[in-house]
Amino acid sequence: DSRTSVGGAGEAAPQQHPTWVVLAASFISKLLASSATYPHELVRARLQDQRFTAGQGRHYRGIVDAVQQTVRNEGVSALWHGFSVNLVRAVPQSMITFGLYEWLIWAM
């Protein structure tokens, strides 16, 4: 049985975690990862969406300028505008992915 021996003699078999542990871990990890990376996503989206205006050029000169203008004009919290909507999409997807992965590993 492949579940009783992983790499050979003396190695312990991997432990199957309860479903709630896998789901909770994926929820927490996605929440933390998204919290840390969302400002980058927002700035990237703003840079991609900016339009060239004749006589004025582009609204942002680069990443640092986009962050500075966003914070100056809208406040630091603006770097997380839309974060809750992103979580509604990303967290369930992460939980399904990790839950299904764990289930498939043990079903095989």
C-alpha atoms as a PDB file:
ATOM      1  CA  ASP A   1       0.000   0.000   0.000  1.00  0.00           C
ATOM      2  CA  SER A   2       1.539   3.301  -1.089  1.00  0.00           C
ATOM      3  CA  ARG A   3       0.017   5.098   1.886  1.00  0.00           C
ATOM      4  CA  THR A   4       2.014   3.144   4.425  1.00  0.00           C
ATOM      5  CA  SER A   5       5.504   3.750   3.071  1.00  0.00           C
ATOM      6  CA  VAL A   6       6.657   6.861   1.295  1.00  0.00           C
ATOM      7  CA  GLY A   7      10.328   6.640   0.502  1.00  0.00           C
ATOM      8  CA  GLY A   8      11.523   3.415   1.970  1.00  0.00           C
ATOM      9  CA  ALA A   9      12.298   1.722   5.235  1.00  0.00           C
ATOM     10  CA  GLY A  10      12.126   3.876   8.308  1.00  0.00           C
ATOM     11  CA  GLU A  11      10.168   6.748   6.777  1.00  0.00           C
ATOM     12  CA  ALA A  12       6.793   7.630   8.204  1.00  0.00           C
ATOM     13  CA  ALA A  13       3.740   7.662   5.985  1.00  0.00           C
ATOM     14  CA  PRO A  14       2.232  11.080   5.274  1.00  0.00           C
ATOM     15  CA  GLN A  15      -0.650  11.956   7.531  1.00  0.00           C
ATOM     16  CA  GLN A  16      -4.042  12.636   6.038  1.00  0.00           C
ATOM     17  CA  HIS A  17      -5.360  15.883   7.480  1.00  0.00           C
ATOM     18  CA  PRO A  18      -9.045  16.400   8.239  1.00  0.00           C
ATOM     19  CA  THR A  19     -10.875  18.289   5.506  1.00  0.00           C
ATOM     20  CA  TRP A  20     -11.580  21.264   7.757  1.00  0.00           C
ATOM     21  CA  VAL A  21      -7.828  21.661   8.441  1.00  0.00           C
ATOM     22  CA  VAL A  22      -7.016  21.718   4.718  1.00  0.00           C
ATOM     23  CA  LEU A  23      -9.825  24.186   4.017  1.00  0.00           C
ATOM     24  CA  ALA A  24      -8.877  26.428   6.949  1.00  0.00           C
ATOM     25  CA  ALA A  25      -5.201  26.395   5.957  1.00  0.00           C
ATOM     26  CA  SER A  26      -6.018  27.270   2.355  1.00  0.00           C
ATOM     27  CA  PHE A  27      -8.383  30.043   3.505  1.00  0.00           C
ATOM     28  CA  ILE A  28      -5.770  31.595   5.813  1.00  0.00           C
ATOM     29  CA  SER A  29      -2.916  31.252   3.326  1.00  0.00           C
ATOM     30  CA  LYS A  30      -4.923  32.837   0.497  1.00  0.00           C
ATOM     31  CA  LEU A  31      -6.121  35.643   2.756  1.00  0.00           C
ATOM     32  CA  LEU A  32      -2.571  36.474   3.849  1.00  0.00           C
ATOM     33  CA  ALA A  33      -1.070  36.133   0.380  1.00  0.00           C
ATOM     34  CA  SER A  34      -3.778  38.278  -1.190  1.00  0.00           C
ATOM     35  CA  SER A  35      -3.446  40.920   1.530  1.00  0.00           C
ATOM     36  CA  ALA A  36       0.267  41.218   0.818  1.00  0.00           C
ATOM     37  CA  THR A  37       0.067  41.201  -2.976  1.00  0.00           C
ATOM     38  CA  TYR A  38      -3.175  43.073  -3.710  1.00  0.00           C
ATOM     39  CA  PRO A  39      -1.592  46.565  -3.818  1.00  0.00           C
ATOM     40  CA  HIS A  40       0.665  45.294  -6.600  1.00  0.00           C
ATOM     41  CA  GLU A  41      -2.352  43.947  -8.489  1.00  0.00           C
ATOM     42  CA  LEU A  42      -4.184  47.262  -8.137  1.00  0.00           C
ATOM     43  CA  VAL A  43      -1.199  49.302  -9.364  1.00  0.00           C
ATOM     44  CA  ARG A  44      -0.598  46.879 -12.249  1.00  0.00           C
ATOM     45  CA  ALA A  45      -4.249  47.173 -13.299  1.00  0.00           C
ATOM     46  CA  ARG A  46      -4.126  50.973 -13.137  1.00  0.00           C
ATOM     47  CA  LEU A  47      -0.980  51.086 -15.245  1.00  0.00           C
ATOM     48  CA  GLN A  48      -2.507  48.751 -17.836  1.00  0.00           C
ATOM     49  CA  ASP A  49      -5.794  50.656 -17.957  1.00  0.00           C
ATOM     50  CA  GLN A  50      -4.371  54.162 -18.310  1.00  0.00           C
ATOM     51  CA  ARG A  51      -5.016  55.934 -21.575  1.00  0.00           C
ATOM     52  CA  PHE A  52      -2.683  58.184 -23.487  1.00  0.00           C
ATOM     53  CA  THR A  53      -4.146  61.682 -23.591  1.00  0.00           C
ATOM     54  CA  ALA A  54      -2.994  63.959 -26.407  1.00  0.00           C
ATOM     55  CA  GLY A  55      -0.911  66.811 -25.022  1.00  0.00           C
ATOM     56  CA  GLN A  56      -0.801  65.296 -21.514  1.00  0.00           C
ATOM     57  CA  GLY A  57       0.768  61.889 -22.020  1.00  0.00           C
ATOM     58  CA  ARG A  58       0.088  59.059 -19.675  1.00  0.00           C
ATOM     59  CA  HIS A  59      -1.385  59.552 -16.218  1.00  0.00           C
ATOM     60  CA  TYR A  60       1.361  57.535 -14.452  1.00  0.00           C
ATOM     61  CA  ARG A  61       5.066  57.543 -15.272  1.00  0.00           C
ATOM     62  CA  GLY A  62       5.676  54.117 -13.704  1.00  0.00           C
ATOM     63  CA  ILE A  63       5.039  51.864 -10.722  1.00  0.00           C
ATOM     64  CA  VAL A  64       6.441  54.195  -8.070  1.00  0.00           C
ATOM     65  CA  ASP A  65       4.549  57.164  -9.509  1.00  0.00           C
ATOM     66  CA  ALA A  66       1.301  55.166  -9.583  1.00  0.00           C
ATOM     67  CA  VAL A  67       1.717  54.194  -5.914  1.00  0.00           C
ATOM     68  CA  GLN A  68       2.626  57.752  -4.902  1.00  0.00           C
ATOM     69  CA  GLN A  69      -0.307  59.311  -6.753  1.00  0.00           C
ATOM     70  CA  THR A  70      -2.755  56.728  -5.419  1.00  0.00           C
ATOM     71  CA  VAL A  71      -1.644  57.251  -1.815  1.00  0.00           C
ATOM     72  CA  ARG A  72      -1.459  61.049  -2.159  1.00  0.00           C
ATOM     73  CA  ASN A  73      -4.840  61.448  -3.870  1.00  0.00           C
ATOM     74  CA  GLU A  74      -6.878  58.630  -2.302  1.00  0.00           C
ATOM     75  CA  GLY A  75      -5.046  57.555   0.851  1.00  0.00           C
ATOM     76  CA  VAL A  76      -3.200  54.367   1.749  1.00  0.00           C
ATOM     77  CA  SER A  77      -6.409  52.363   2.002  1.00  0.00           C
ATOM     78  CA  ALA A  78      -6.972  52.948  -1.736  1.00  0.00           C
ATOM     79  CA  LEU A  79      -4.276  50.347  -2.415  1.00  0.00           C
ATOM     80  CA  TRP A  80      -6.835  47.757  -1.251  1.00  0.00           C
ATOM     81  CA  HIS A  81      -9.905  49.089  -3.124  1.00  0.00           C
ATOM     82  CA  GLY A  82     -11.678  46.057  -4.544  1.00  0.00           C
ATOM     83  CA  PHE A  83      -9.898  43.673  -2.181  1.00  0.00           C
ATOM     84  CA  SER A  84     -13.102  42.165  -0.775  1.00  0.00           C
ATOM     85  CA  VAL A  85     -14.408  41.419  -4.271  1.00  0.00           C
ATOM     86  CA  ASN A  86     -11.101  39.760  -5.092  1.00  0.00           C
ATOM     87  CA  LEU A  87     -11.371  37.604  -1.954  1.00  0.00           C
ATOM     88  CA  VAL A  88     -14.879  36.464  -2.894  1.00  0.00           C
ATOM     89  CA  ARG A  89     -13.358  35.025  -6.071  1.00  0.00           C
ATOM     90  CA  ALA A  90      -9.919  33.893  -4.932  1.00  0.00           C
ATOM     91  CA  VAL A  91     -10.547  32.314  -1.522  1.00  0.00           C
ATOM     92  CA  PRO A  92     -13.193  29.760  -2.579  1.00  0.00           C
ATOM     93  CA  GLN A  93     -11.087  28.877  -5.629  1.00  0.00           C
ATOM     94  CA  SER A  94      -8.084  28.236  -3.391  1.00  0.00           C
ATOM     95  CA  MET A  95     -10.111  26.165  -0.940  1.00  0.00           C
ATOM     96  CA  ILE A  96     -11.566  24.041  -3.743  1.00  0.00           C
ATOM     97  CA  THR A  97      -8.162  23.554  -5.358  1.00  0.00           C
ATOM     98  CA  PHE A  98      -6.388  22.459  -2.171  1.00  0.00           C
ATOM     99  CA  GLY A  99      -9.331  20.410  -0.915  1.00  0.00           C
ATOM    100  CA  LEU A 100      -9.632  18.567  -4.220  1.00  0.00           C
ATOM    101  CA  TYR A 101      -5.861  18.042  -4.394  1.00  0.00           C
ATOM    102  CA  GLU A 102      -5.774  16.481  -0.926  1.00  0.00           C
ATOM    103  CA  TRP A 103      -8.785  14.311  -1.699  1.00  0.00           C
ATOM    104  CA  LEU A 104      -7.233  13.095  -4.971  1.00  0.00           C
ATOM    105  CA  ILE A 105      -3.908  12.313  -3.311  1.00  0.00           C
ATOM    106  CA  TRP A 106      -5.624  10.019  -0.830  1.00  0.00           C
ATOM    107  CA  ALA A 107      -8.079   8.562  -3.359  1.00  0.00           C
ATOM    108  CA  MET A 108      -5.231   7.302  -5.569  1.00  0.00           C
END
